[in-house]
Amino acid sequence: MGGAVTLAALLAVPAEAGALSPGDWAGVIAAARAEQLLGALACRLSGIAVPERAGAILHDARDMAAESRRAALWEAEMARRVLAPLGVPVVLLKGTAFVAGGLAAGQGRMIGDLDLLVPRAALADVERALLAAGWEWAKPNAYDDGYYRRWMHELPPLLHRDRDRLIDVHHTILPPTARITPDADALLAGAHRLGNGLSIPAPEDMVVHAAIHLLADGDLAGGLRNLWDIDRLLFEFGEEDNAFWSRLRARAALHQAGGVVARAVRLSHALFGTAVPEEWGGLRPGDAWFRRRLLARDEWGRETRAATRAAFYIRSHWMRMPPPLLARHLAIKAWKRVAPARS
């Protein structure tokens, strides 16, 4: 079996660890590292007997994930201190929201950027406050800056000059040019406040955002981690509340993401055995291609299925912007790559 296939099977059923050969372990660890799932795998296998060498690697991965959690929460606190005087809602997104909320999806989760959602009307004030507090533009190029401000769902990324940490400030969760239009006001209004003044999305919105991030906002590179996020969110929220699934369906419809969420749930059930109501399960036409893309990594951690990956790369751009804008954007980016070589 390929690395990603074995990795998904082991995340689904950790008790199968005892059946793995040394070669299987090498493939699983390589794939988990490439998919940024090594910390999650380490937490999933906690207390289960594994070979000594694999155990040492997993132990280190748990330590790294704990450090990632600490750094993410500290960066969120730094942003909170800067933005609190503005009196605007600040909602944590993605991995930082998982760990701040103490959710199962945060266990072993490696976290890179700090992602925040703020009201669009507050963007200018938020931007000024962050720049005054030590964040700097990570994309100083004039074209990239203008492109973000006109066409994207977030400010150009900011990098703190001392801590070397990126922050992405969102005003919604998909580019305005995308095929679906989530309700940013509803995301902000439904968010659950934490004790420190920051907020995290409501459970249903958290799943909707994870599904959109996986299936409607990219080419599925690293998608196995995003799907594992969805599995953990569904496991936790679905176990706690029988009414969760009906609320999820309604919330997905509100955000024009019913099909995206349904597909994400089906894929999670198919790859990880996520417990879902009967009407949410069962693969549909087209799902096999997404499954193929998600598992496109071999026992060396290398990406495979180049044609499939290329198709999803094209699809990602097609979904994010209309053809004329896409053609113009790709032409400009191509010219910017070749122009330095000619000078």
Protein backbone atom coordinates (compact mmCIF):
# COMPACT_ATOMS: atom_id res chain seq x y z
CA MET A 1 0.00 0.00 0.00
CA GLY A 2 1.05 3.59 -0.58
CA GLY A 3 2.12 5.84 2.27
CA ALA A 4 -1.01 7.99 2.30
CA VAL A 5 -3.31 4.98 2.09
CA THR A 6 -1.66 3.32 5.07
CA LEU A 7 -1.57 6.60 6.98
CA ALA A 8 -5.30 7.16 6.52
CA ALA A 9 -6.04 3.58 7.59
CA LEU A 10 -3.93 3.97 10.72
CA LEU A 11 -5.55 7.26 11.69
CA ALA A 12 -8.93 5.57 11.26
CA VAL A 13 -8.04 2.44 13.26
CA PRO A 14 -4.97 2.99 15.50
CA ALA A 15 -5.20 -0.58 16.80
CA GLU A 16 -3.92 -1.74 13.41
CA ALA A 17 -0.46 -0.40 14.31
CA GLY A 18 0.63 -3.85 15.46
CA ALA A 19 0.13 -5.27 11.97
CA LEU A 20 2.56 -2.88 10.27
CA SER A 21 5.94 -4.04 9.00
CA PRO A 22 9.11 -1.91 9.36
CA GLY A 23 8.65 -0.85 5.74
CA ASP A 24 5.07 0.16 6.43
CA TRP A 25 6.22 2.31 9.35
CA ALA A 26 8.76 4.09 7.19
CA GLY A 27 6.07 4.86 4.62
CA VAL A 28 3.54 6.00 7.19
CA ILE A 29 5.99 8.34 8.88
CA ALA A 30 7.20 9.77 5.56
CA ALA A 31 3.64 10.38 4.40
CA ALA A 32 2.56 11.82 7.75
CA ARG A 33 5.49 14.21 7.77
CA ALA A 34 4.76 15.33 4.20
CA GLU A 35 1.06 15.83 4.97
CA GLN A 36 1.81 17.66 8.26
CA LEU A 37 -0.01 14.90 10.14
CA LEU A 38 2.86 13.46 12.14
CA GLY A 39 1.81 15.19 15.36
CA ALA A 40 -1.80 14.13 14.90
CA LEU A 41 -0.69 10.55 14.23
CA ALA A 42 1.52 10.62 17.32
CA CYS A 43 -1.39 11.73 19.50
CA ARG A 44 -3.69 9.18 17.86
CA LEU A 45 -1.23 6.37 18.68
CA SER A 46 -0.53 7.52 22.23
CA GLY A 47 -0.59 4.49 24.54
CA ILE A 48 -0.34 1.99 21.67
CA ALA A 49 2.75 -0.17 21.36
CA VAL A 50 4.89 0.73 18.34
CA PRO A 51 8.45 -0.16 17.29
CA GLU A 52 11.14 1.65 19.28
CA ARG A 53 12.43 3.76 16.39
CA ALA A 54 8.94 4.82 15.34
CA GLY A 55 8.10 5.53 18.98
CA ALA A 56 11.02 7.94 19.29
CA ILE A 57 9.91 9.81 16.17
CA LEU A 58 6.33 10.00 17.41
CA HIS A 59 7.48 11.21 20.83
CA ASP A 60 9.38 14.07 19.19
CA ALA A 61 6.35 14.84 17.02
CA ARG A 62 4.15 15.19 20.11
CA ASP A 63 6.67 17.61 21.60
CA MET A 64 6.78 19.62 18.37
CA ALA A 65 2.99 19.77 18.23
CA ALA A 66 2.86 21.01 21.83
CA GLU A 67 5.34 23.74 20.96
CA SER A 68 3.32 24.64 17.86
CA ARG A 69 0.22 24.93 20.04
CA ARG A 70 2.02 27.19 22.52
CA ALA A 71 3.39 29.44 19.78
CA ALA A 72 -0.01 29.70 18.07
CA LEU A 73 -1.80 30.68 21.26
CA TRP A 74 0.89 33.22 22.12
CA GLU A 75 0.62 34.80 18.66
CA ALA A 76 -3.16 34.98 19.08
CA GLU A 77 -2.65 36.71 22.41
CA MET A 78 -0.24 39.21 20.85
CA ALA A 79 -2.81 40.03 18.17
CA ARG A 80 -5.55 40.31 20.80
CA ARG A 81 -3.57 42.88 22.78
CA VAL A 82 -3.06 44.99 19.68
CA LEU A 83 -6.63 44.78 18.39
CA ALA A 84 -8.56 44.94 21.69
CA PRO A 85 -8.60 48.79 21.79
CA LEU A 86 -10.42 48.81 18.43
CA GLY A 87 -13.46 47.12 19.95
CA VAL A 88 -14.14 44.99 16.85
CA PRO A 89 -14.96 41.26 16.75
CA VAL A 90 -11.88 39.09 16.19
CA VAL A 91 -12.55 35.44 15.30
CA LEU A 92 -9.76 32.86 15.28
CA LEU A 93 -9.81 30.47 12.33
CA LYS A 94 -8.38 27.04 11.41
CA GLY A 95 -5.74 25.46 13.66
CA THR A 96 -5.53 28.30 16.16
CA ALA A 97 -9.29 28.12 16.68
CA PHE A 98 -9.04 24.37 17.29
CA VAL A 99 -6.42 24.67 20.01
CA ALA A 100 -7.94 27.80 21.57
CA GLY A 101 -11.26 25.98 21.81
CA GLY A 102 -9.67 22.86 23.28
CA LEU A 103 -11.07 20.75 20.44
CA ALA A 104 -10.08 17.25 19.37
CA ALA A 105 -9.06 18.69 15.98
CA GLY A 106 -6.28 20.57 17.78
CA GLN A 107 -4.63 17.45 19.22
CA GLY A 108 -1.24 17.13 17.57
CA ARG A 109 -2.16 19.84 15.05
CA MET A 110 0.79 21.70 13.54
CA ILE A 111 -0.09 25.38 13.11
CA GLY A 112 1.65 27.84 10.84
CA ASP A 113 -0.03 31.18 10.18
CA LEU A 114 -2.41 32.97 12.50
CA ASP A 115 -5.73 33.32 10.65
CA LEU A 116 -8.23 35.91 11.86
CA LEU A 117 -11.67 36.99 10.67
CA VAL A 118 -12.72 40.61 11.26
CA PRO A 119 -15.52 42.76 9.82
CA ARG A 120 -14.69 44.13 6.38
CA ALA A 121 -15.47 47.65 7.59
CA ALA A 122 -12.74 47.30 10.23
CA LEU A 123 -9.96 46.16 7.85
CA ALA A 124 -8.26 49.55 7.58
CA ASP A 125 -8.17 50.04 11.35
CA VAL A 126 -6.94 46.49 11.92
CA GLU A 127 -4.25 46.95 9.29
CA ARG A 128 -2.97 50.19 10.81
CA ALA A 129 -2.90 48.69 14.31
CA LEU A 130 -0.92 45.63 13.24
CA LEU A 131 1.58 47.66 11.19
CA ALA A 132 2.15 49.96 14.16
CA ALA A 133 2.76 46.93 16.42
CA GLY A 134 5.59 45.36 14.39
CA TRP A 135 3.95 43.42 11.58
CA GLU A 136 5.28 44.09 8.07
CA TRP A 137 4.11 43.19 4.58
CA ALA A 138 5.24 39.76 3.47
CA LYS A 139 4.37 40.57 -0.17
CA PRO A 140 5.72 44.08 -0.87
CA ASN A 141 5.29 43.64 -4.64
CA ALA A 142 2.81 46.23 -5.94
CA TYR A 143 0.91 43.80 -8.17
CA ASP A 144 0.49 41.19 -5.41
CA ASP A 145 -0.57 43.88 -2.93
CA GLY A 146 -3.17 45.25 -5.32
CA TYR A 147 -4.41 41.80 -6.26
CA TYR A 148 -5.01 40.88 -2.62
CA ARG A 149 -6.85 44.10 -1.88
CA ARG A 150 -9.11 43.93 -4.91
CA TRP A 151 -9.76 40.23 -5.43
CA MET A 152 -8.92 38.25 -2.29
CA HIS A 153 -10.79 37.46 0.92
CA GLU A 154 -7.96 38.72 3.11
CA LEU A 155 -5.35 41.40 3.44
CA PRO A 156 -1.90 40.66 2.00
CA PRO A 157 -0.12 38.46 4.58
CA LEU A 158 1.79 40.20 7.36
CA LEU A 159 5.00 38.95 9.00
CA HIS A 160 6.06 40.05 12.48
CA ARG A 161 9.57 41.47 12.30
CA ASP A 162 10.66 40.01 15.66
CA ARG A 163 8.76 36.74 15.98
CA ASP A 164 8.84 35.78 12.27
CA ARG A 165 5.18 34.68 12.39
CA LEU A 166 2.67 35.28 9.61
CA ILE A 167 -0.82 36.61 10.17
CA ASP A 168 -3.65 36.44 7.60
CA VAL A 169 -6.47 38.88 8.28
CA HIS A 170 -9.68 37.71 6.58
CA HIS A 171 -12.88 39.64 5.94
CA THR A 172 -14.57 36.47 4.60
CA ILE A 173 -13.48 32.88 3.89
CA LEU A 174 -13.46 32.74 0.08
CA PRO A 175 -12.41 35.23 -2.58
CA PRO A 176 -15.32 37.40 -3.75
CA THR A 177 -14.78 35.99 -7.25
CA ALA A 178 -15.37 32.39 -6.12
CA ARG A 179 -18.37 30.35 -7.29
CA ILE A 180 -19.95 30.34 -3.82
CA THR A 181 -20.37 33.25 -1.42
CA PRO A 182 -20.25 32.44 2.31
CA ASP A 183 -22.08 34.82 4.63
CA ALA A 184 -19.27 36.60 6.50
CA ASP A 185 -21.70 38.56 8.69
CA ALA A 186 -23.30 35.30 9.84
CA LEU A 187 -19.87 33.83 10.63
CA LEU A 188 -19.08 36.81 12.84
CA ALA A 189 -22.52 36.93 14.47
CA GLY A 190 -22.54 33.20 15.25
CA ALA A 191 -19.03 33.03 16.70
CA HIS A 192 -18.54 31.80 20.27
CA ARG A 193 -16.64 34.16 22.55
CA LEU A 194 -13.71 32.88 24.56
CA GLY A 195 -12.81 34.20 27.98
CA ASN A 196 -10.05 36.45 26.65
CA GLY A 197 -12.21 38.46 24.26
CA LEU A 198 -11.34 36.51 21.13
CA SER A 199 -13.89 34.22 19.47
CA ILE A 200 -13.98 30.98 17.50
CA PRO A 201 -16.57 30.03 14.86
CA ALA A 202 -19.71 28.17 15.86
CA PRO A 203 -19.33 24.38 15.49
CA GLU A 204 -21.31 24.22 12.25
CA ASP A 205 -19.43 27.18 10.77
CA MET A 206 -16.14 25.56 11.74
CA VAL A 207 -17.03 22.46 9.70
CA VAL A 208 -18.29 24.57 6.80
CA HIS A 209 -15.04 26.57 6.74
CA ALA A 210 -12.93 23.40 6.90
CA ALA A 211 -14.89 21.90 4.01
CA ILE A 212 -14.59 25.08 1.94
CA HIS A 213 -10.88 25.28 2.67
CA LEU A 214 -10.45 21.68 1.53
CA LEU A 215 -12.65 21.56 -1.57
CA ALA A 216 -13.35 25.10 -2.77
CA ASP A 217 -10.20 27.08 -2.00
CA GLY A 218 -7.27 25.18 -3.48
CA ASP A 219 -5.95 22.16 -5.32
CA LEU A 220 -6.21 19.73 -2.36
CA ALA A 221 -2.44 19.81 -1.76
CA GLY A 222 -2.06 18.77 1.87
CA GLY A 223 -5.73 17.94 1.83
CA LEU A 224 -5.44 14.83 3.96
CA ARG A 225 -4.70 17.01 6.99
CA ASN A 226 -7.70 19.21 6.21
CA LEU A 227 -9.90 16.12 5.90
CA TRP A 228 -8.59 14.86 9.25
CA ASP A 229 -9.62 18.21 10.75
CA ILE A 230 -13.12 17.56 9.43
CA ASP A 231 -13.18 14.02 10.83
CA ARG A 232 -12.20 15.27 14.29
CA LEU A 233 -14.73 18.11 14.20
CA LEU A 234 -17.54 15.80 13.12
CA PHE A 235 -16.52 13.22 15.72
CA GLU A 236 -16.64 15.77 18.52
CA PHE A 237 -19.65 17.83 17.53
CA GLY A 238 -21.72 14.91 16.24
CA GLU A 239 -21.12 12.90 19.42
CA GLU A 240 -22.10 15.76 21.69
CA ASP A 241 -25.34 16.89 20.06
CA ASN A 242 -27.89 14.89 18.06
CA ALA A 243 -29.22 18.09 16.48
CA PHE A 244 -25.79 19.02 15.14
CA TRP A 245 -26.32 17.39 11.74
CA SER A 246 -29.53 19.25 10.96
CA ARG A 247 -27.92 22.54 11.99
CA LEU A 248 -24.90 21.72 9.83
CA ARG A 249 -27.10 21.17 6.79
CA ALA A 250 -28.91 24.46 7.37
CA ARG A 251 -25.72 26.38 7.98
CA ALA A 252 -24.06 24.92 4.89
CA ALA A 253 -27.04 26.05 2.82
CA LEU A 254 -26.80 29.55 4.30
CA HIS A 255 -23.17 29.75 3.16
CA GLN A 256 -24.01 28.32 -0.31
CA ALA A 257 -21.79 25.35 0.55
CA GLY A 258 -24.25 22.47 0.80
CA GLY A 259 -22.58 20.38 -1.89
CA VAL A 260 -19.07 21.14 -0.65
CA VAL A 261 -19.90 20.15 2.94
CA ALA A 262 -21.75 17.00 1.87
CA ARG A 263 -18.78 15.86 -0.22
CA ALA A 264 -16.34 16.58 2.61
CA VAL A 265 -18.46 14.51 5.00
CA ARG A 266 -18.65 11.61 2.52
CA LEU A 267 -14.88 11.65 1.96
CA SER A 268 -14.20 11.77 5.69
CA HIS A 269 -16.48 8.78 6.19
CA ALA A 270 -14.84 6.89 3.32
CA LEU A 271 -11.21 7.52 4.32
CA PHE A 272 -11.41 7.67 8.12
CA GLY A 273 -14.61 5.81 8.95
CA THR A 274 -16.13 8.96 10.46
CA ALA A 275 -19.44 8.16 12.12
CA VAL A 276 -22.13 10.02 10.15
CA PRO A 277 -25.89 9.65 9.76
CA GLU A 278 -26.86 7.23 7.00
CA GLU A 279 -28.13 9.96 4.68
CA TRP A 280 -24.70 11.68 4.79
CA GLY A 281 -22.68 8.58 3.86
CA GLY A 282 -21.97 6.69 0.64
CA LEU A 283 -19.70 7.98 -2.11
CA ARG A 284 -21.32 9.75 -5.05
CA PRO A 285 -20.25 10.20 -8.70
CA GLY A 286 -17.05 12.22 -8.83
CA ASP A 287 -16.00 11.51 -5.24
CA ALA A 288 -13.51 8.89 -6.42
CA TRP A 289 -11.44 11.59 -8.11
CA PHE A 290 -11.18 13.55 -4.87
CA ARG A 291 -10.25 10.39 -2.99
CA ARG A 292 -7.58 9.68 -5.59
CA ARG A 293 -6.16 13.19 -5.18
CA LEU A 294 -6.15 13.06 -1.38
CA LEU A 295 -4.20 9.78 -1.37
CA ALA A 296 -1.64 10.80 -4.03
CA ARG A 297 1.47 10.17 -1.93
CA ASP A 298 3.71 7.11 -1.98
CA GLU A 299 5.63 5.20 0.70
CA TRP A 300 8.54 7.67 0.37
CA GLY A 301 6.32 10.65 1.06
CA ARG A 302 6.54 11.76 -2.56
CA GLU A 303 3.55 13.13 -4.46
CA THR A 304 2.19 10.84 -7.16
CA ARG A 305 -0.49 10.97 -9.89
CA ALA A 306 0.84 14.05 -11.64
CA ALA A 307 -2.06 14.26 -14.09
CA THR A 308 -4.60 14.18 -11.27
CA ARG A 309 -2.72 16.86 -9.36
CA ALA A 310 -2.53 19.04 -12.47
CA ALA A 311 -6.26 18.67 -13.07
CA PHE A 312 -7.04 19.78 -9.52
CA TYR A 313 -4.62 22.70 -9.83
CA ILE A 314 -6.53 23.92 -12.89
CA ARG A 315 -9.84 23.30 -11.11
CA SER A 316 -8.75 25.37 -8.11
CA HIS A 317 -8.12 28.45 -10.26
CA TRP A 318 -11.28 27.87 -12.28
CA MET A 319 -13.36 27.88 -9.08
CA ARG A 320 -11.70 30.95 -7.59
CA MET A 321 -12.06 33.44 -10.46
CA PRO A 322 -13.85 33.94 -13.78
CA PRO A 323 -11.94 32.96 -16.95
CA PRO A 324 -10.96 36.49 -18.14
CA LEU A 325 -9.55 37.41 -14.73
CA LEU A 326 -7.83 34.02 -14.45
CA ALA A 327 -6.18 34.42 -17.87
CA ARG A 328 -4.96 37.91 -17.01
CA HIS A 329 -3.67 36.87 -13.59
CA LEU A 330 -1.80 33.82 -14.89
CA ALA A 331 -0.28 35.84 -17.74
CA ILE A 332 1.02 38.50 -15.36
CA LYS A 333 2.42 35.89 -12.94
CA ALA A 334 4.12 34.06 -15.83
CA TRP A 335 5.65 37.29 -17.12
CA LYS A 336 6.93 38.18 -13.65
CA ARG A 337 8.69 34.80 -13.48
CA VAL A 338 10.47 35.13 -16.83
CA ALA A 339 11.18 38.88 -16.78
CA PRO A 340 14.08 38.70 -14.24
CA ALA A 341 15.77 36.04 -16.37
CA ARG A 342 15.72 38.36 -19.37
CA SER A 343 17.14 41.34 -17.54
